Amino acid sequence: MQKRLSDLAGGGGGGRAGGDQLRHSDGAWLKAAGGAEGMGVHLGPVRAELATAHEGLLTGTVGLSALAELGSVRESWERRFETARRECGSLAGNLRAVARAQAETNETVKSSFAPVARRTRGVER
């Protein structure tokens, strides 16, 4: 079946139920944004959990160099978790922005076809 650009502007049939319209669903983008946001929330309490887990750990370990390094390793992990948490928040916002931009682009493209759309037997083509 050969398509014309004007076929994409209207609600024409095209042989399939629902026609051959360009469609955008923001569902996948918003679901991904929610997942990223959820991951960021999940990472939020990690710093406090690490602090609780390390309470009293170094007591009585004077002279054990491996445990002395534990503080710098913990700080490194805390920075990494905080960076990941911020990135999740940023990613969620970016994914929502993509959904909005695509919806706006779809409307712009659809309306740009309006001048060339013509009616044939009550069906816009």
C-alpha atoms as a PDB file:
ATOM      1  CA  MET A   1       0.000   0.000   0.000  1.00  0.00           C
ATOM      2  CA  GLN A   2       1.466   3.345  -1.024  1.00  0.00           C
ATOM      3  CA  LYS A   3       1.141   6.205   1.437  1.00  0.00           C
ATOM      4  CA  ARG A   4       1.006   9.900   0.849  1.00  0.00           C
ATOM      5  CA  LEU A   5       1.996  12.566   3.339  1.00  0.00           C
ATOM      6  CA  SER A   6      -1.547  13.864   3.329  1.00  0.00           C
ATOM      7  CA  ASP A   7      -2.722  10.426   4.507  1.00  0.00           C
ATOM      8  CA  LEU A   8      -0.849  10.980   7.761  1.00  0.00           C
ATOM      9  CA  ALA A   9      -2.679  14.209   8.541  1.00  0.00           C
ATOM     10  CA  GLY A  10      -6.162  12.849   8.715  1.00  0.00           C
ATOM     11  CA  GLY A  11      -8.072  10.005  10.234  1.00  0.00           C
ATOM     12  CA  GLY A  12      -8.057   7.953   7.032  1.00  0.00           C
ATOM     13  CA  GLY A  13      -8.499   4.205   7.106  1.00  0.00           C
ATOM     14  CA  GLY A  14      -5.533   2.559   5.461  1.00  0.00           C
ATOM     15  CA  GLY A  15      -7.011  -0.902   5.941  1.00  0.00           C
ATOM     16  CA  ARG A  16      -6.253  -1.273   9.657  1.00  0.00           C
ATOM     17  CA  ALA A  17      -8.504  -0.639  12.588  1.00  0.00           C
ATOM     18  CA  GLY A  18      -7.709   2.840  13.835  1.00  0.00           C
ATOM     19  CA  GLY A  19      -6.052   3.945  10.611  1.00  0.00           C
ATOM     20  CA  ASP A  20      -2.436   4.694   9.806  1.00  0.00           C
ATOM     21  CA  GLN A  21      -1.939   7.719  12.011  1.00  0.00           C
ATOM     22  CA  LEU A  22       1.304   8.856  13.500  1.00  0.00           C
ATOM     23  CA  ARG A  23       0.891   8.409  17.219  1.00  0.00           C
ATOM     24  CA  HIS A  24       2.974   9.141  20.231  1.00  0.00           C
ATOM     25  CA  SER A  25       2.416   7.723  23.660  1.00  0.00           C
ATOM     26  CA  ASP A  26       4.211   9.275  26.565  1.00  0.00           C
ATOM     27  CA  GLY A  27       3.532   6.195  28.702  1.00  0.00           C
ATOM     28  CA  ALA A  28       6.938   4.568  28.251  1.00  0.00           C
ATOM     29  CA  TRP A  29       8.793   7.832  28.871  1.00  0.00           C
ATOM     30  CA  LEU A  30       6.784   8.599  31.996  1.00  0.00           C
ATOM     31  CA  LYS A  31       7.165   5.045  33.302  1.00  0.00           C
ATOM     32  CA  ALA A  32      10.945   5.278  32.836  1.00  0.00           C
ATOM     33  CA  ALA A  33      10.929   8.665  34.589  1.00  0.00           C
ATOM     34  CA  GLY A  34       9.028   7.148  37.497  1.00  0.00           C
ATOM     35  CA  GLY A  35      11.539   4.298  37.675  1.00  0.00           C
ATOM     36  CA  ALA A  36      14.474   6.694  37.730  1.00  0.00           C
ATOM     37  CA  GLU A  37      12.777   8.770  40.394  1.00  0.00           C
ATOM     38  CA  GLY A  38      12.058   5.651  42.455  1.00  0.00           C
ATOM     39  CA  MET A  39      15.690   4.606  42.251  1.00  0.00           C
ATOM     40  CA  GLY A  40      16.754   8.044  43.442  1.00  0.00           C
ATOM     41  CA  VAL A  41      14.381   7.799  46.395  1.00  0.00           C
ATOM     42  CA  HIS A  42      15.727   4.329  47.178  1.00  0.00           C
ATOM     43  CA  LEU A  43      19.298   5.703  47.241  1.00  0.00           C
ATOM     44  CA  GLY A  44      18.337   8.592  49.540  1.00  0.00           C
ATOM     45  CA  PRO A  45      18.841   6.889  52.920  1.00  0.00           C
ATOM     46  CA  VAL A  46      22.077   5.089  51.955  1.00  0.00           C
ATOM     47  CA  ARG A  47      24.355   7.618  53.677  1.00  0.00           C
ATOM     48  CA  ALA A  48      22.523   7.232  57.001  1.00  0.00           C
ATOM     49  CA  GLU A  49      22.460   3.444  56.623  1.00  0.00           C
ATOM     50  CA  LEU A  50      26.221   3.371  56.016  1.00  0.00           C
ATOM     51  CA  ALA A  51      26.804   5.568  59.054  1.00  0.00           C
ATOM     52  CA  THR A  52      24.691   3.261  61.216  1.00  0.00           C
ATOM     53  CA  ALA A  53      26.473   0.188  59.884  1.00  0.00           C
ATOM     54  CA  HIS A  54      29.881   1.690  60.684  1.00  0.00           C
ATOM     55  CA  GLU A  55      29.076   2.908  64.196  1.00  0.00           C
ATOM     56  CA  GLY A  56      31.674   1.626  66.619  1.00  0.00           C
ATOM     57  CA  LEU A  57      33.501  -0.324  63.946  1.00  0.00           C
ATOM     58  CA  LEU A  58      36.820   1.409  64.424  1.00  0.00           C
ATOM     59  CA  THR A  59      36.722   1.233  68.227  1.00  0.00           C
ATOM     60  CA  GLY A  60      39.629  -0.847  69.465  1.00  0.00           C
ATOM     61  CA  THR A  61      41.215  -1.248  66.052  1.00  0.00           C
ATOM     62  CA  VAL A  62      44.150   1.121  66.489  1.00  0.00           C
ATOM     63  CA  GLY A  63      47.028  -0.039  64.323  1.00  0.00           C
ATOM     64  CA  LEU A  64      44.978  -2.017  61.821  1.00  0.00           C
ATOM     65  CA  SER A  65      45.721  -0.154  58.605  1.00  0.00           C
ATOM     66  CA  ALA A  66      43.037  -1.983  56.599  1.00  0.00           C
ATOM     67  CA  LEU A  67      40.323  -0.645  58.899  1.00  0.00           C
ATOM     68  CA  ALA A  68      41.879   2.809  58.859  1.00  0.00           C
ATOM     69  CA  GLU A  69      41.298   2.874  55.109  1.00  0.00           C
ATOM     70  CA  LEU A  70      37.646   1.993  55.639  1.00  0.00           C
ATOM     71  CA  GLY A  71      36.770   5.643  56.292  1.00  0.00           C
ATOM     72  CA  SER A  72      38.054   6.813  52.922  1.00  0.00           C
ATOM     73  CA  VAL A  73      36.374   3.907  51.145  1.00  0.00           C
ATOM     74  CA  ARG A  74      33.084   4.736  52.867  1.00  0.00           C
ATOM     75  CA  GLU A  75      33.384   8.396  51.864  1.00  0.00           C
ATOM     76  CA  SER A  76      34.035   7.335  48.278  1.00  0.00           C
ATOM     77  CA  TRP A  77      30.907   5.169  48.239  1.00  0.00           C
ATOM     78  CA  GLU A  78      28.843   7.926  49.824  1.00  0.00           C
ATOM     79  CA  ARG A  79      29.908  10.301  47.027  1.00  0.00           C
ATOM     80  CA  ARG A  80      29.061   7.688  44.404  1.00  0.00           C
ATOM     81  CA  PHE A  81      25.615   7.014  45.845  1.00  0.00           C
ATOM     82  CA  GLU A  82      24.888  10.741  46.087  1.00  0.00           C
ATOM     83  CA  THR A  83      26.003  11.256  42.482  1.00  0.00           C
ATOM     84  CA  ALA A  84      23.773   8.368  41.366  1.00  0.00           C
ATOM     85  CA  ARG A  85      20.832   9.785  43.344  1.00  0.00           C
ATOM     86  CA  ARG A  86      21.229  13.209  41.705  1.00  0.00           C
ATOM     87  CA  GLU A  87      21.595  11.597  38.275  1.00  0.00           C
ATOM     88  CA  CYS A  88      18.343   9.692  38.799  1.00  0.00           C
ATOM     89  CA  GLY A  89      16.541  12.943  39.555  1.00  0.00           C
ATOM     90  CA  SER A  90      18.033  14.611  36.513  1.00  0.00           C
ATOM     91  CA  LEU A  91      17.205  11.635  34.295  1.00  0.00           C
ATOM     92  CA  ALA A  92      13.591  11.611  35.479  1.00  0.00           C
ATOM     93  CA  GLY A  93      13.239  15.280  34.547  1.00  0.00           C
ATOM     94  CA  ASN A  94      14.874  14.737  31.163  1.00  0.00           C
ATOM     95  CA  LEU A  95      12.606  11.772  30.357  1.00  0.00           C
ATOM     96  CA  ARG A  96       9.514  13.828  31.192  1.00  0.00           C
ATOM     97  CA  ALA A  97      10.847  16.632  28.999  1.00  0.00           C
ATOM     98  CA  VAL A  98      11.221  14.198  26.079  1.00  0.00           C
ATOM     99  CA  ALA A  99       7.601  13.095  26.504  1.00  0.00           C
ATOM    100  CA  ARG A 100       6.437  16.726  26.461  1.00  0.00           C
ATOM    101  CA  ALA A 101       8.633  17.627  23.479  1.00  0.00           C
ATOM    102  CA  GLN A 102       7.436  14.663  21.432  1.00  0.00           C
ATOM    103  CA  ALA A 103       3.808  15.473  22.168  1.00  0.00           C
ATOM    104  CA  GLU A 104       4.380  19.085  21.106  1.00  0.00           C
ATOM    105  CA  THR A 105       6.227  17.987  17.961  1.00  0.00           C
ATOM    106  CA  ASN A 106       3.435  15.577  17.055  1.00  0.00           C
ATOM    107  CA  GLU A 107       0.867  18.361  17.369  1.00  0.00           C
ATOM    108  CA  THR A 108       3.013  20.715  15.289  1.00  0.00           C
ATOM    109  CA  VAL A 109       3.468  18.121  12.549  1.00  0.00           C
ATOM    110  CA  LYS A 110      -0.220  17.214  12.572  1.00  0.00           C
ATOM    111  CA  SER A 111      -1.313  20.838  12.323  1.00  0.00           C
ATOM    112  CA  SER A 112       1.202  21.502   9.541  1.00  0.00           C
ATOM    113  CA  PHE A 113      -0.697  19.005   7.371  1.00  0.00           C
ATOM    114  CA  ALA A 114      -4.028  20.778   7.888  1.00  0.00           C
ATOM    115  CA  PRO A 115      -3.620  23.103   4.886  1.00  0.00           C
ATOM    116  CA  VAL A 116      -3.032  20.201   2.501  1.00  0.00           C
ATOM    117  CA  ALA A 117      -5.602  17.841   3.975  1.00  0.00           C
ATOM    118  CA  ARG A 118      -8.654  17.376   1.836  1.00  0.00           C
ATOM    119  CA  ARG A 119     -11.973  15.752   2.468  1.00  0.00           C
ATOM    120  CA  THR A 120     -13.009  12.812   0.358  1.00  0.00           C
ATOM    121  CA  ARG A 121     -16.448  11.312   1.010  1.00  0.00           C
ATOM    122  CA  GLY A 122     -16.480  12.653   4.576  1.00  0.00           C
ATOM    123  CA  VAL A 123     -13.115  11.119   5.435  1.00  0.00           C
ATOM    124  CA  GLU A 124     -10.200  13.448   5.960  1.00  0.00           C
ATOM    125  CA  ARG A 125      -7.178  12.338   3.951  1.00  0.00           C
END
